[in-house]
Amino acid sequence: MNKNILSICDLSSEEILSILDLATYIKDPFNFSDSKTQLRGKILGMIFQKPSTRTRVSFETAILQLGGNAINLSFNDLQLSRGESIEDTSRTLSLYLDCIVARVFSHNDIEKLSRHSTVPVINGLSDLFHPCQILSDMLTILEHKNKLRDITLAYIGDGNNVCNDLLLACSKLGINIRVATPRGFEPLNWVIDVAKDECKKNKSTVLITTDPFEAIKEVDVIYTDTFISIGKEEEKEKRDYIFLPNYQINDRLVEHAKSDYIFMHCLPAKRGKEVTAEIIDGPHSVVWTQAENRLHVQKALLVKLLDKEFIE
């Protein structure tokens, strides 16, 4: 497996499935005792330029429950805040740590961090990608639908970091994916191209549209995210005007999905904006399973990157 996990691009379909298999094993409480000392002595450094709930807590809990330790580092904790380069920070941290998780504003920063690190670097979210979230999403779909191939997923909303990695993961795993966004808010063009190529190999489909009703017709999974990602707060009024009400997940829209659809959201959610309370708190919602699965997937990632038995 690639030393650094900066996006789903860094993982093959076989590697994704292997992570999901291990996460499923670790999640079973009967197997918990097997992993309590698996990463004894390993130190995880966590750098956060942005706020975090699920990523920070799940990674710290994961390394602790595997027998290791975590060091939390905000931007202001490091000499980065006084002008030290990312390159020099990366070289230094590599001397002390076994793995680095970083949540950054610019994906370019985490690429620099990984290039100069001698230990694995995991993207805990950047402006372009969110691979850890998407891996837990794939585990959630597998648990609720008992398969991945031939599932159809509709992502409706902003073509953001979550959408980019969702396109990559679905196309690699044989999931049909439809993305509905307003014009000007589409996912990255090169990501769409890669997803289309992967879909050809896996005999699945990808659709990019501006019509949420076209995207949601007879789907198994409905996915959305906030319209206003971290760093886009100054665009709130503009985005509300563009996205609402057409791209809100509500009763009128979901009636076009399959009757047993599941609803997904990576959280945090803004009820009454991208989704109504009736949907996210209703019987089709699996958002809390998604949140829980962050922990199990994080454990699987850390084991595969740091346990010598899993390192090729």
C-alpha atoms as a PDB file:
ATOM      1  CA  MET A   1       0.000   0.000   0.000  1.00  0.00           C
ATOM      2  CA  ASN A   2       1.160   3.545  -0.745  1.00  0.00           C
ATOM      3  CA  LYS A   3       3.080   5.093   2.170  1.00  0.00           C
ATOM      4  CA  ASN A   4       0.979   8.257   1.967  1.00  0.00           C
ATOM      5  CA  ILE A   5      -2.816   8.425   1.725  1.00  0.00           C
ATOM      6  CA  LEU A   6      -3.606  11.881   0.364  1.00  0.00           C
ATOM      7  CA  SER A   7      -6.666  10.918  -1.671  1.00  0.00           C
ATOM      8  CA  ILE A   8      -8.468   7.819  -2.896  1.00  0.00           C
ATOM      9  CA  CYS A   9      -6.151   8.083  -5.925  1.00  0.00           C
ATOM     10  CA  ASP A  10      -3.449   6.591  -3.689  1.00  0.00           C
ATOM     11  CA  LEU A  11      -5.398   3.359  -3.218  1.00  0.00           C
ATOM     12  CA  SER A  12      -6.259   0.609  -5.664  1.00  0.00           C
ATOM     13  CA  SER A  13      -9.661  -1.065  -5.530  1.00  0.00           C
ATOM     14  CA  GLU A  14      -8.013  -4.108  -3.943  1.00  0.00           C
ATOM     15  CA  GLU A  15      -6.404  -1.954  -1.255  1.00  0.00           C
ATOM     16  CA  ILE A  16      -9.700  -0.223  -0.490  1.00  0.00           C
ATOM     17  CA  LEU A  17     -11.435  -3.573  -0.067  1.00  0.00           C
ATOM     18  CA  SER A  18      -8.587  -4.821   2.110  1.00  0.00           C
ATOM     19  CA  ILE A  19      -8.968  -1.790   4.405  1.00  0.00           C
ATOM     20  CA  LEU A  20     -12.721  -2.399   4.619  1.00  0.00           C
ATOM     21  CA  ASP A  21     -12.161  -6.066   5.438  1.00  0.00           C
ATOM     22  CA  LEU A  22      -9.764  -5.200   8.252  1.00  0.00           C
ATOM     23  CA  ALA A  23     -12.065  -2.452   9.561  1.00  0.00           C
ATOM     24  CA  THR A  24     -14.938  -4.956   9.633  1.00  0.00           C
ATOM     25  CA  TYR A  25     -12.783  -7.403  11.604  1.00  0.00           C
ATOM     26  CA  ILE A  26     -11.632  -4.710  14.056  1.00  0.00           C
ATOM     27  CA  LYS A  27     -15.183  -3.425  14.528  1.00  0.00           C
ATOM     28  CA  ASP A  28     -16.347  -6.823  15.815  1.00  0.00           C
ATOM     29  CA  PRO A  29     -16.139  -6.553  19.634  1.00  0.00           C
ATOM     30  CA  PHE A  30     -15.026 -10.193  19.837  1.00  0.00           C
ATOM     31  CA  ASN A  31     -11.827  -9.205  18.049  1.00  0.00           C
ATOM     32  CA  PHE A  32     -11.111  -6.082  20.091  1.00  0.00           C
ATOM     33  CA  SER A  33      -8.640  -7.747  22.464  1.00  0.00           C
ATOM     34  CA  ASP A  34      -6.532  -8.866  19.492  1.00  0.00           C
ATOM     35  CA  SER A  35      -5.696  -5.266  18.575  1.00  0.00           C
ATOM     36  CA  LYS A  36      -5.161  -3.583  21.955  1.00  0.00           C
ATOM     37  CA  THR A  37      -1.365  -3.751  21.700  1.00  0.00           C
ATOM     38  CA  GLN A  38      -0.987  -3.970  17.925  1.00  0.00           C
ATOM     39  CA  LEU A  39       0.666  -0.536  17.637  1.00  0.00           C
ATOM     40  CA  ARG A  40       2.355  -0.396  21.046  1.00  0.00           C
ATOM     41  CA  GLY A  41       5.043   2.295  21.080  1.00  0.00           C
ATOM     42  CA  LYS A  42       3.857   3.973  17.869  1.00  0.00           C
ATOM     43  CA  ILE A  43       3.348   7.751  17.983  1.00  0.00           C
ATOM     44  CA  LEU A  44       0.814   9.523  15.769  1.00  0.00           C
ATOM     45  CA  GLY A  45       1.256  13.247  15.201  1.00  0.00           C
ATOM     46  CA  MET A  46      -1.913  15.160  14.315  1.00  0.00           C
ATOM     47  CA  ILE A  47      -1.679  18.609  12.723  1.00  0.00           C
ATOM     48  CA  PHE A  48      -4.881  20.656  12.477  1.00  0.00           C
ATOM     49  CA  GLN A  49      -5.188  23.951  10.618  1.00  0.00           C
ATOM     50  CA  LYS A  50      -8.996  23.584  10.603  1.00  0.00           C
ATOM     51  CA  PRO A  51     -11.585  22.660  13.252  1.00  0.00           C
ATOM     52  CA  SER A  52     -12.246  18.943  13.642  1.00  0.00           C
ATOM     53  CA  THR A  53     -14.539  16.688  15.659  1.00  0.00           C
ATOM     54  CA  ARG A  54     -14.780  13.269  14.007  1.00  0.00           C
ATOM     55  CA  THR A  55     -11.330  13.184  12.396  1.00  0.00           C
ATOM     56  CA  ARG A  56      -9.414  14.294  15.458  1.00  0.00           C
ATOM     57  CA  VAL A  57     -11.296  12.231  18.034  1.00  0.00           C
ATOM     58  CA  SER A  58     -11.471   9.072  15.897  1.00  0.00           C
ATOM     59  CA  PHE A  59      -7.753   9.117  15.063  1.00  0.00           C
ATOM     60  CA  GLU A  60      -6.687   9.813  18.641  1.00  0.00           C
ATOM     61  CA  THR A  61      -9.017   7.131  19.990  1.00  0.00           C
ATOM     62  CA  ALA A  62      -7.859   4.706  17.293  1.00  0.00           C
ATOM     63  CA  ILE A  63      -4.144   4.962  18.073  1.00  0.00           C
ATOM     64  CA  LEU A  64      -4.772   4.808  21.836  1.00  0.00           C
ATOM     65  CA  GLN A  65      -6.975   1.718  21.554  1.00  0.00           C
ATOM     66  CA  LEU A  66      -4.292   0.071  19.396  1.00  0.00           C
ATOM     67  CA  GLY A  67      -1.692   0.636  22.115  1.00  0.00           C
ATOM     68  CA  GLY A  68       0.024   3.732  20.711  1.00  0.00           C
ATOM     69  CA  ASN A  69      -0.080   7.424  21.569  1.00  0.00           C
ATOM     70  CA  ALA A  70      -1.091  10.654  19.846  1.00  0.00           C
ATOM     71  CA  ILE A  71       0.284  14.194  19.906  1.00  0.00           C
ATOM     72  CA  ASN A  72      -2.169  16.920  18.896  1.00  0.00           C
ATOM     73  CA  LEU A  73      -0.580  19.915  17.183  1.00  0.00           C
ATOM     74  CA  SER A  74      -2.439  23.011  16.086  1.00  0.00           C
ATOM     75  CA  PHE A  75      -0.846  25.395  13.592  1.00  0.00           C
ATOM     76  CA  ASN A  76       0.047  27.741  16.449  1.00  0.00           C
ATOM     77  CA  ASP A  77       1.778  24.935  18.369  1.00  0.00           C
ATOM     78  CA  LEU A  78       4.372  24.595  15.627  1.00  0.00           C
ATOM     79  CA  GLN A  79       7.089  26.895  14.298  1.00  0.00           C
ATOM     80  CA  LEU A  80       5.038  26.982  11.101  1.00  0.00           C
ATOM     81  CA  SER A  81       3.226  29.880  12.767  1.00  0.00           C
ATOM     82  CA  ARG A  82       6.548  31.764  12.872  1.00  0.00           C
ATOM     83  CA  GLY A  83       7.515  31.072   9.292  1.00  0.00           C
ATOM     84  CA  GLU A  84       9.299  27.701   9.376  1.00  0.00           C
ATOM     85  CA  SER A  85       8.745  25.954   6.069  1.00  0.00           C
ATOM     86  CA  ILE A  86       6.495  22.941   5.674  1.00  0.00           C
ATOM     87  CA  GLU A  87       9.458  21.071   4.254  1.00  0.00           C
ATOM     88  CA  ASP A  88      11.601  21.630   7.369  1.00  0.00           C
ATOM     89  CA  THR A  89       8.670  20.896   9.673  1.00  0.00           C
ATOM     90  CA  SER A  90       8.089  17.614   7.862  1.00  0.00           C
ATOM     91  CA  ARG A  91      11.739  16.583   8.086  1.00  0.00           C
ATOM     92  CA  THR A  92      11.769  17.367  11.811  1.00  0.00           C
ATOM     93  CA  LEU A  93       8.529  15.592  12.697  1.00  0.00           C
ATOM     94  CA  SER A  94       9.698  12.507  10.815  1.00  0.00           C
ATOM     95  CA  LEU A  95      12.512  12.180  13.359  1.00  0.00           C
ATOM     96  CA  TYR A  96      10.049  11.808  16.249  1.00  0.00           C
ATOM     97  CA  LEU A  97       6.831  10.321  14.895  1.00  0.00           C
ATOM     98  CA  ASP A  98       5.717   7.101  13.224  1.00  0.00           C
ATOM     99  CA  CYS A  99       2.830   8.641  11.261  1.00  0.00           C
ATOM    100  CA  ILE A 100       1.354  12.090  10.587  1.00  0.00           C
ATOM    101  CA  VAL A 101      -2.295  13.025  10.068  1.00  0.00           C
ATOM    102  CA  ALA A 102      -2.841  16.554   8.790  1.00  0.00           C
ATOM    103  CA  ARG A 103      -5.959  18.636   8.200  1.00  0.00           C
ATOM    104  CA  VAL A 104      -5.025  21.586   6.012  1.00  0.00           C
ATOM    105  CA  PHE A 105      -6.600  24.416   4.051  1.00  0.00           C
ATOM    106  CA  SER A 106      -4.549  23.816   0.901  1.00  0.00           C
ATOM    107  CA  HIS A 107      -3.966  20.372  -0.571  1.00  0.00           C
ATOM    108  CA  ASN A 108      -0.623  21.680  -1.808  1.00  0.00           C
ATOM    109  CA  ASP A 109       0.503  21.898   1.833  1.00  0.00           C
ATOM    110  CA  ILE A 110      -0.134  18.231   2.562  1.00  0.00           C
ATOM    111  CA  GLU A 111       1.605  17.280  -0.678  1.00  0.00           C
ATOM    112  CA  LYS A 112       4.677  19.203   0.503  1.00  0.00           C
ATOM    113  CA  LEU A 113       4.433  17.563   3.916  1.00  0.00           C
ATOM    114  CA  SER A 114       4.320  14.085   2.381  1.00  0.00           C
ATOM    115  CA  ARG A 115       7.155  14.691  -0.093  1.00  0.00           C
ATOM    116  CA  HIS A 116       9.600  15.528   2.681  1.00  0.00           C
ATOM    117  CA  SER A 117       8.375  13.052   5.298  1.00  0.00           C
ATOM    118  CA  THR A 118      10.046   9.709   5.887  1.00  0.00           C
ATOM    119  CA  VAL A 119       6.962   8.425   7.760  1.00  0.00           C
ATOM    120  CA  PRO A 120       3.427   7.900   6.373  1.00  0.00           C
ATOM    121  CA  VAL A 121       1.239  10.976   5.931  1.00  0.00           C
ATOM    122  CA  ILE A 122      -2.559  10.724   5.965  1.00  0.00           C
ATOM    123  CA  ASN A 123      -4.832  13.459   4.683  1.00  0.00           C
ATOM    124  CA  GLY A 124      -7.338  14.238   7.437  1.00  0.00           C
ATOM    125  CA  LEU A 125      -9.082  16.670   5.043  1.00  0.00           C
ATOM    126  CA  SER A 126      -7.874  19.269   2.573  1.00  0.00           C
ATOM    127  CA  ASP A 127      -9.698  21.610   0.255  1.00  0.00           C
ATOM    128  CA  LEU A 128      -9.592  18.957  -2.492  1.00  0.00           C
ATOM    129  CA  PHE A 129      -9.912  15.538  -0.842  1.00  0.00           C
ATOM    130  CA  HIS A 130     -11.188  13.681   2.236  1.00  0.00           C
ATOM    131  CA  PRO A 131     -10.111  10.017   1.845  1.00  0.00           C
ATOM    132  CA  CYS A 132     -10.670   8.858   5.440  1.00  0.00           C
ATOM    133  CA  GLN A 133     -14.283   9.979   5.329  1.00  0.00           C
ATOM    134  CA  ILE A 134     -14.920   8.197   2.055  1.00  0.00           C
ATOM    135  CA  LEU A 135     -13.407   4.928   3.276  1.00  0.00           C
ATOM    136  CA  SER A 136     -15.794   4.948   6.233  1.00  0.00           C
ATOM    137  CA  ASP A 137     -18.631   5.731   3.815  1.00  0.00           C
ATOM    138  CA  MET A 138     -17.789   2.682   1.732  1.00  0.00           C
ATOM    139  CA  LEU A 139     -17.827   0.546   4.894  1.00  0.00           C
ATOM    140  CA  THR A 140     -21.228   1.999   5.816  1.00  0.00           C
ATOM    141  CA  ILE A 141     -22.729   1.225   2.409  1.00  0.00           C
ATOM    142  CA  LEU A 142     -21.334  -2.299   2.547  1.00  0.00           C
ATOM    143  CA  GLU A 143     -22.871  -2.878   5.979  1.00  0.00           C
ATOM    144  CA  HIS A 144     -26.308  -1.608   5.006  1.00  0.00           C
ATOM    145  CA  LYS A 145     -26.531  -2.926   1.444  1.00  0.00           C
ATOM    146  CA  ASN A 146     -24.372  -6.066   1.792  1.00  0.00           C
ATOM    147  CA  LYS A 147     -22.527  -5.209  -1.396  1.00  0.00           C
ATOM    148  CA  LEU A 148     -20.827  -2.358  -3.226  1.00  0.00           C
ATOM    149  CA  ARG A 149     -20.869  -3.360  -6.880  1.00  0.00           C
ATOM    150  CA  ASP A 150     -24.084  -2.419  -8.743  1.00  0.00           C
ATOM    151  CA  ILE A 151     -25.187   0.008  -6.013  1.00  0.00           C
ATOM    152  CA  THR A 152     -26.278   3.429  -7.325  1.00  0.00           C
ATOM    153  CA  LEU A 153     -25.386   6.513  -5.291  1.00  0.00           C
ATOM    154  CA  ALA A 154     -26.524  10.092  -5.827  1.00  0.00           C
ATOM    155  CA  TYR A 155     -24.417  12.922  -4.433  1.00  0.00           C
ATOM    156  CA  ILE A 156     -26.337  16.185  -4.428  1.00  0.00           C
ATOM    157  CA  GLY A 157     -24.790  19.509  -3.463  1.00  0.00           C
ATOM    158  CA  ASP A 158     -21.383  21.160  -3.677  1.00  0.00           C
ATOM    159  CA  GLY A 159     -18.749  19.374  -5.758  1.00  0.00           C
ATOM    160  CA  ASN A 160     -16.251  19.637  -2.917  1.00  0.00           C
ATOM    161  CA  ASN A 161     -13.469  17.525  -1.363  1.00  0.00           C
ATOM    162  CA  VAL A 162     -15.936  14.834  -0.263  1.00  0.00           C
ATOM    163  CA  CYS A 163     -17.463  14.689  -3.732  1.00  0.00           C
ATOM    164  CA  ASN A 164     -14.043  14.357  -5.409  1.00  0.00           C
ATOM    165  CA  ASP A 165     -12.991  11.356  -3.334  1.00  0.00           C
ATOM    166  CA  LEU A 166     -16.481   9.858  -3.479  1.00  0.00           C
ATOM    167  CA  LEU A 167     -16.272   9.857  -7.281  1.00  0.00           C
ATOM    168  CA  LEU A 168     -12.908   8.109  -7.143  1.00  0.00           C
ATOM    169  CA  ALA A 169     -13.966   5.464  -4.614  1.00  0.00           C
ATOM    170  CA  CYS A 170     -17.303   4.644  -6.247  1.00  0.00           C
ATOM    171  CA  SER A 171     -15.785   4.309  -9.695  1.00  0.00           C
ATOM    172  CA  LYS A 172     -13.011   2.021  -8.390  1.00  0.00           C
ATOM    173  CA  LEU A 173     -15.475  -0.228  -6.571  1.00  0.00           C
ATOM    174  CA  GLY A 174     -18.116  -0.623  -9.274  1.00  0.00           C
ATOM    175  CA  ILE A 175     -20.656   1.726  -7.668  1.00  0.00           C
ATOM    176  CA  ASN A 176     -22.740   3.773 -10.098  1.00  0.00           C
ATOM    177  CA  ILE A 177     -22.426   7.411  -9.076  1.00  0.00           C
ATOM    178  CA  ARG A 178     -24.492  10.414 -10.087  1.00  0.00           C
ATOM    179  CA  VAL A 179     -23.455  13.920  -9.047  1.00  0.00           C
ATOM    180  CA  ALA A 180     -25.878  16.855  -9.184  1.00  0.00           C
ATOM    181  CA  THR A 181     -24.390  20.316  -8.596  1.00  0.00           C
ATOM    182  CA  PRO A 182     -25.184  23.836  -9.749  1.00  0.00           C
ATOM    183  CA  ARG A 183     -23.121  25.115 -12.679  1.00  0.00           C
ATOM    184  CA  GLY A 184     -19.756  26.329 -11.459  1.00  0.00           C
ATOM    185  CA  PHE A 185     -19.726  23.994  -8.439  1.00  0.00           C
ATOM    186  CA  GLU A 186     -18.813  20.742 -10.195  1.00  0.00           C
ATOM    187  CA  PRO A 187     -16.083  18.388  -8.904  1.00  0.00           C
ATOM    188  CA  LEU A 188     -12.607  18.644 -10.418  1.00  0.00           C
ATOM    189  CA  ASN A 189     -12.516  17.947 -14.164  1.00  0.00           C
ATOM    190  CA  TRP A 190      -9.549  15.579 -13.928  1.00  0.00           C
ATOM    191  CA  VAL A 191     -11.276  13.641 -11.137  1.00  0.00           C
ATOM    192  CA  ILE A 192     -14.336  13.227 -13.364  1.00  0.00           C
ATOM    193  CA  ASP A 193     -12.081  11.946 -16.152  1.00  0.00           C
ATOM    194  CA  VAL A 194     -10.378   9.431 -13.852  1.00  0.00           C
ATOM    195  CA  ALA A 195     -13.763   8.294 -12.511  1.00  0.00           C
ATOM    196  CA  LYS A 196     -15.079   7.738 -16.032  1.00  0.00           C
ATOM    197  CA  ASP A 197     -12.024   5.663 -16.920  1.00  0.00           C
ATOM    198  CA  GLU A 198     -12.398   3.565 -13.757  1.00  0.00           C
ATOM    199  CA  CYS A 199     -16.102   3.072 -14.449  1.00  0.00           C
ATOM    200  CA  LYS A 200     -15.312   1.671 -17.892  1.00  0.00           C
ATOM    201  CA  LYS A 201     -13.044  -0.931 -16.273  1.00  0.00           C
ATOM    202  CA  ASN A 202     -15.646  -1.846 -13.641  1.00  0.00           C
ATOM    203  CA  LYS A 203     -18.732  -1.681 -15.891  1.00  0.00           C
ATOM    204  CA  SER A 204     -20.339   1.015 -13.769  1.00  0.00           C
ATOM    205  CA  THR A 205     -21.521   4.512 -14.661  1.00  0.00           C
ATOM    206  CA  VAL A 206     -20.840   8.116 -13.724  1.00  0.00           C
ATOM    207  CA  LEU A 207     -23.218  11.003 -14.395  1.00  0.00           C
ATOM    208  CA  ILE A 208     -22.559  14.704 -13.789  1.00  0.00           C
ATOM    209  CA  THR A 209     -25.683  16.825 -14.015  1.00  0.00           C
ATOM    210  CA  THR A 210     -27.289  20.002 -12.720  1.00  0.00           C
ATOM    211  CA  ASP A 211     -30.621  18.223 -12.170  1.00  0.00           C
ATOM    212  CA  PRO A 212     -31.029  16.642  -8.706  1.00  0.00           C
ATOM    213  CA  PHE A 213     -34.204  14.816  -9.822  1.00  0.00           C
ATOM    214  CA  GLU A 214     -32.297  13.140 -12.646  1.00  0.00           C
ATOM    215  CA  ALA A 215     -29.547  12.127 -10.216  1.00  0.00           C
ATOM    216  CA  ILE A 216     -31.782  10.733  -7.493  1.00  0.00           C
ATOM    217  CA  LYS A 217     -34.130   8.591  -9.589  1.00  0.00           C
ATOM    218  CA  GLU A 218     -34.239   5.010  -8.232  1.00  0.00           C
ATOM    219  CA  VAL A 219     -30.965   5.296  -6.291  1.00  0.00           C
ATOM    220  CA  ASP A 220     -29.897   3.121  -3.349  1.00  0.00           C
ATOM    221  CA  VAL A 221     -27.889   5.819  -1.559  1.00  0.00           C
ATOM    222  CA  ILE A 222     -28.415   9.562  -1.207  1.00  0.00           C
ATOM    223  CA  TYR A 223     -25.425  11.613  -0.051  1.00  0.00           C
ATOM    224  CA  THR A 224     -25.009  15.297   0.665  1.00  0.00           C
ATOM    225  CA  ASP A 225     -22.663  17.657   2.483  1.00  0.00           C
ATOM    226  CA  THR A 226     -22.783  21.226   3.693  1.00  0.00           C
ATOM    227  CA  PHE A 227     -23.014  23.825   0.950  1.00  0.00           C
ATOM    228  CA  ILE A 228     -20.460  25.961   2.825  1.00  0.00           C
ATOM    229  CA  SER A 229     -17.191  24.115   3.445  1.00  0.00           C
ATOM    230  CA  ILE A 230     -14.532  25.366   5.866  1.00  0.00           C
ATOM    231  CA  GLY A 231     -12.883  28.406   4.313  1.00  0.00           C
ATOM    232  CA  LYS A 232     -15.968  29.333   2.248  1.00  0.00           C
ATOM    233  CA  GLU A 233     -17.878  31.102   5.028  1.00  0.00           C
ATOM    234  CA  GLU A 234     -17.694  34.470   3.253  1.00  0.00           C
ATOM    235  CA  GLU A 235     -19.759  32.938   0.413  1.00  0.00           C
ATOM    236  CA  LYS A 236     -22.663  31.947   2.671  1.00  0.00           C
ATOM    237  CA  GLU A 237     -25.329  34.265   1.231  1.00  0.00           C
ATOM    238  CA  LYS A 238     -24.273  33.583  -2.359  1.00  0.00           C
ATOM    239  CA  ARG A 239     -24.273  29.823  -1.846  1.00  0.00           C
ATOM    240  CA  ASP A 240     -27.611  29.780  -0.033  1.00  0.00           C
ATOM    241  CA  TYR A 241     -29.137  31.628  -2.980  1.00  0.00           C
ATOM    242  CA  ILE A 242     -27.633  29.208  -5.520  1.00  0.00           C
ATOM    243  CA  PHE A 243     -28.241  25.918  -3.698  1.00  0.00           C
ATOM    244  CA  LEU A 244     -31.599  26.505  -2.035  1.00  0.00           C
ATOM    245  CA  PRO A 245     -34.156  25.104  -2.409  1.00  0.00           C
ATOM    246  CA  ASN A 246     -33.280  22.998  -5.489  1.00  0.00           C
ATOM    247  CA  TYR A 247     -30.375  21.047  -3.950  1.00  0.00           C
ATOM    248  CA  GLN A 248     -31.857  20.438  -0.526  1.00  0.00           C
ATOM    249  CA  ILE A 249     -32.519  16.806   0.418  1.00  0.00           C
ATOM    250  CA  ASN A 250     -36.178  16.838   1.445  1.00  0.00           C
ATOM    251  CA  ASP A 251     -39.329  14.726   1.225  1.00  0.00           C
ATOM    252  CA  ARG A 252     -40.163  15.984  -2.264  1.00  0.00           C
ATOM    253  CA  LEU A 253     -36.783  14.944  -3.644  1.00  0.00           C
ATOM    254  CA  VAL A 254     -36.282  11.590  -1.885  1.00  0.00           C
ATOM    255  CA  GLU A 255     -39.631  10.200  -3.043  1.00  0.00           C
ATOM    256  CA  HIS A 256     -37.888   9.563  -6.379  1.00  0.00           C
ATOM    257  CA  ALA A 257     -35.285   7.249  -4.784  1.00  0.00           C
ATOM    258  CA  LYS A 258     -35.792   3.565  -4.039  1.00  0.00           C
ATOM    259  CA  SER A 259     -38.059   2.894  -1.076  1.00  0.00           C
ATOM    260  CA  ASP A 260     -35.173   1.353   0.901  1.00  0.00           C
ATOM    261  CA  TYR A 261     -32.630   4.097   0.182  1.00  0.00           C
ATOM    262  CA  ILE A 262     -30.144   5.132   2.849  1.00  0.00           C
ATOM    263  CA  PHE A 263     -29.257   8.747   3.551  1.00  0.00           C
ATOM    264  CA  MET A 264     -25.635   9.744   4.184  1.00  0.00           C
ATOM    265  CA  HIS A 265     -23.945  12.945   5.347  1.00  0.00           C
ATOM    266  CA  CYS A 266     -20.334  13.317   6.461  1.00  0.00           C
ATOM    267  CA  LEU A 267     -21.301  15.888   9.138  1.00  0.00           C
ATOM    268  CA  PRO A 268     -21.443  18.500  10.522  1.00  0.00           C
ATOM    269  CA  ALA A 269     -24.932  19.053   9.109  1.00  0.00           C
ATOM    270  CA  LYS A 270     -27.030  22.182   8.889  1.00  0.00           C
ATOM    271  CA  ARG A 271     -30.648  21.084   9.216  1.00  0.00           C
ATOM    272  CA  GLY A 272     -32.924  23.200   7.083  1.00  0.00           C
ATOM    273  CA  LYS A 273     -30.120  23.937   4.617  1.00  0.00           C
ATOM    274  CA  GLU A 274     -28.658  20.969   2.679  1.00  0.00           C
ATOM    275  CA  VAL A 275     -31.052  18.531   4.359  1.00  0.00           C
ATOM    276  CA  THR A 276     -34.259  18.729   6.353  1.00  0.00           C
ATOM    277  CA  ALA A 277     -34.459  17.419   9.906  1.00  0.00           C
ATOM    278  CA  GLU A 278     -37.084  14.887   8.791  1.00  0.00           C
ATOM    279  CA  ILE A 279     -34.555  13.199   6.504  1.00  0.00           C
ATOM    280  CA  ILE A 280     -31.348  13.289   8.535  1.00  0.00           C
ATOM    281  CA  ASP A 281     -33.161  12.257  11.725  1.00  0.00           C
ATOM    282  CA  GLY A 282     -35.489   9.840   9.953  1.00  0.00           C
ATOM    283  CA  PRO A 283     -35.482   6.057   9.511  1.00  0.00           C
ATOM    284  CA  HIS A 284     -33.394   6.082   6.307  1.00  0.00           C
ATOM    285  CA  SER A 285     -30.505   8.011   7.851  1.00  0.00           C
ATOM    286  CA  VAL A 286     -27.231   6.171   8.565  1.00  0.00           C
ATOM    287  CA  VAL A 287     -25.155   9.233   9.452  1.00  0.00           C
ATOM    288  CA  TRP A 288     -24.280   7.947  12.927  1.00  0.00           C
ATOM    289  CA  THR A 289     -23.022   4.670  11.501  1.00  0.00           C
ATOM    290  CA  GLN A 290     -20.850   6.734   9.165  1.00  0.00           C
ATOM    291  CA  ALA A 291     -19.496   8.665  12.137  1.00  0.00           C
ATOM    292  CA  GLU A 292     -18.785   5.512  14.131  1.00  0.00           C
ATOM    293  CA  ASN A 293     -17.085   3.863  11.191  1.00  0.00           C
ATOM    294  CA  ARG A 294     -14.509   6.645  11.089  1.00  0.00           C
ATOM    295  CA  LEU A 295     -12.969   5.007  14.178  1.00  0.00           C
ATOM    296  CA  HIS A 296     -12.808   1.512  12.715  1.00  0.00           C
ATOM    297  CA  VAL A 297     -11.462   2.638   9.342  1.00  0.00           C
ATOM    298  CA  GLN A 298      -8.856   4.839  11.036  1.00  0.00           C
ATOM    299  CA  LYS A 299      -7.685   1.802  13.013  1.00  0.00           C
ATOM    300  CA  ALA A 300      -7.443  -0.280   9.858  1.00  0.00           C
ATOM    301  CA  LEU A 301      -5.448   2.426   8.079  1.00  0.00           C
ATOM    302  CA  LEU A 302      -3.008   2.810  10.954  1.00  0.00           C
ATOM    303  CA  VAL A 303      -2.483  -0.938  11.265  1.00  0.00           C
ATOM    304  CA  LYS A 304      -1.834  -1.317   7.549  1.00  0.00           C
ATOM    305  CA  LEU A 305       0.620   1.578   7.521  1.00  0.00           C
ATOM    306  CA  LEU A 306       2.447   0.880  10.789  1.00  0.00           C
ATOM    307  CA  ASP A 307       2.213  -2.816  11.646  1.00  0.00           C
ATOM    308  CA  LYS A 308       5.143  -4.652  10.042  1.00  0.00           C
ATOM    309  CA  GLU A 309       2.957  -7.665   9.327  1.00  0.00           C
ATOM    310  CA  PHE A 310       0.906  -5.554   6.919  1.00  0.00           C
ATOM    311  CA  ILE A 311       3.755  -3.598   5.348  1.00  0.00           C
ATOM    312  CA  GLU A 312       4.890  -5.100   2.067  1.00  0.00           C
END
